[in-house]
Amino acid sequence: MRRPFFFPLMFIPFALLGALAVMLLWNAILPELLSVSEIGYWQSLGLLALARILFGGFHRGPCGPSHQWGGHRLHNLSSEEREQMRDRWRSCCGWSDSPKEKVSE
């Protein structure tokens, strides 16, 4: 199914509302709990962007969020299908069963 052309534009209001939620939660909880200063709206938007960079990444490949398997799907797979899925994950995500050998120069 193709995404509508306005799909990227839908991200903007959610990001702006998310920044507002981060600011309100930060200012309600953390100054009293950890003795930190309150933050403004643009600082909370920056925190969201920083969290996305540090923890979310920007990958959109075959191993990215658009191609994740839910736990309920794994239970319905046959052992052959599970092995095919593991092989595909290993090839695209760089996973291996054994640790990589160190190359000495």
Protein backbone atom coordinates (compact mmCIF):
# COMPACT_ATOMS: atom_id res chain seq x y z
CA MET A 1 0.00 0.00 0.00
CA ARG A 2 1.38 3.39 -0.96
CA ARG A 3 1.44 6.25 1.49
CA PRO A 4 -0.49 9.37 0.56
CA PHE A 5 1.59 12.32 -0.63
CA PHE A 6 0.70 14.32 2.47
CA PHE A 7 2.06 11.64 4.85
CA PRO A 8 5.31 13.57 5.58
CA LEU A 9 3.21 16.64 6.41
CA MET A 10 1.34 14.64 9.05
CA PHE A 11 4.64 14.19 10.92
CA ILE A 12 4.98 17.92 11.65
CA PRO A 13 1.90 18.35 13.92
CA PHE A 14 2.79 15.18 15.83
CA ALA A 15 6.35 16.40 16.39
CA LEU A 16 5.09 19.79 17.58
CA LEU A 17 2.58 18.20 19.96
CA GLY A 18 5.26 15.79 21.17
CA ALA A 19 7.55 18.71 21.98
CA LEU A 20 4.76 20.34 23.98
CA ALA A 21 4.20 17.09 25.90
CA VAL A 22 7.93 16.74 26.63
CA MET A 23 8.11 20.33 27.86
CA LEU A 24 5.08 19.98 30.13
CA LEU A 25 6.23 16.66 31.58
CA TRP A 26 9.80 17.87 32.08
CA ASN A 27 8.69 21.06 33.82
CA ALA A 28 6.15 19.21 35.99
CA ILE A 29 8.43 16.39 37.16
CA LEU A 30 12.16 16.92 36.79
CA PRO A 31 12.85 20.34 38.40
CA GLU A 32 11.57 19.16 41.77
CA LEU A 33 12.86 15.59 41.45
CA LEU A 34 16.38 16.24 40.13
CA SER A 35 16.84 19.97 40.80
CA VAL A 36 17.23 20.82 37.10
CA SER A 37 15.97 24.00 35.50
CA GLU A 38 12.78 24.20 33.49
CA ILE A 39 12.99 24.07 29.70
CA GLY A 40 11.26 25.98 26.96
CA TYR A 41 9.37 24.73 23.93
CA TRP A 42 12.29 24.87 21.49
CA GLN A 43 14.55 23.09 23.96
CA SER A 44 12.01 20.27 24.25
CA LEU A 45 11.83 20.03 20.46
CA GLY A 46 15.62 19.78 20.44
CA LEU A 47 15.47 17.02 23.06
CA LEU A 48 13.07 15.06 20.87
CA ALA A 49 15.41 15.43 17.89
CA LEU A 50 18.40 14.41 20.01
CA ALA A 51 16.57 11.35 21.35
CA ARG A 52 15.66 10.35 17.79
CA ILE A 53 19.26 10.65 16.67
CA LEU A 54 20.71 8.81 19.67
CA PHE A 55 18.10 6.09 20.18
CA GLY A 56 15.90 5.91 17.10
CA GLY A 57 18.26 6.31 14.20
CA PHE A 58 17.14 7.19 10.71
CA HIS A 59 17.39 3.81 8.97
CA ARG A 60 14.60 2.74 6.66
CA GLY A 61 16.03 -0.41 5.11
CA PRO A 62 14.73 -3.96 5.12
CA CYS A 63 15.62 -4.24 8.80
CA GLY A 64 14.09 -0.90 9.74
CA PRO A 65 10.78 -0.11 11.42
CA SER A 66 8.80 -0.62 8.25
CA HIS A 67 9.74 -4.29 8.17
CA GLN A 68 9.64 -5.40 11.80
CA TRP A 69 8.03 -8.66 12.79
CA GLY A 70 5.64 -8.63 15.71
CA GLY A 71 5.86 -11.40 18.30
CA HIS A 72 2.50 -12.81 17.24
CA ARG A 73 3.84 -13.40 13.73
CA LEU A 74 6.87 -15.33 14.96
CA HIS A 75 4.71 -17.94 16.69
CA ASN A 76 2.85 -18.69 13.47
CA LEU A 77 5.98 -19.41 11.42
CA SER A 78 7.22 -22.88 10.64
CA SER A 79 10.79 -23.76 11.62
CA GLU A 80 11.84 -23.43 7.97
CA GLU A 81 10.31 -19.96 7.71
CA ARG A 82 12.02 -18.91 10.95
CA GLU A 83 15.39 -20.02 9.64
CA GLN A 84 14.83 -18.09 6.39
CA MET A 85 13.95 -15.00 8.42
CA ARG A 86 17.09 -15.40 10.58
CA ASP A 87 19.25 -15.72 7.48
CA ARG A 88 17.71 -12.57 6.00
CA TRP A 89 18.24 -10.62 9.24
CA ARG A 90 21.84 -11.81 9.43
CA SER A 91 22.56 -10.71 5.87
CA CYS A 92 20.93 -7.29 6.04
CA CYS A 93 21.70 -6.34 9.64
CA GLY A 94 25.17 -7.79 10.00
CA TRP A 95 24.26 -10.34 12.67
CA SER A 96 26.31 -13.48 13.04
CA ASP A 97 26.38 -16.48 15.38
CA SER A 98 30.07 -16.16 16.12
CA PRO A 99 32.04 -13.10 17.21
CA LYS A 100 34.03 -11.43 14.47
CA GLU A 101 37.67 -12.34 14.36
CA LYS A 102 40.15 -9.57 15.01
CA VAL A 103 42.40 -8.79 12.10
CA SER A 104 45.97 -8.05 13.13
CA GLU A 105 48.22 -6.00 10.90
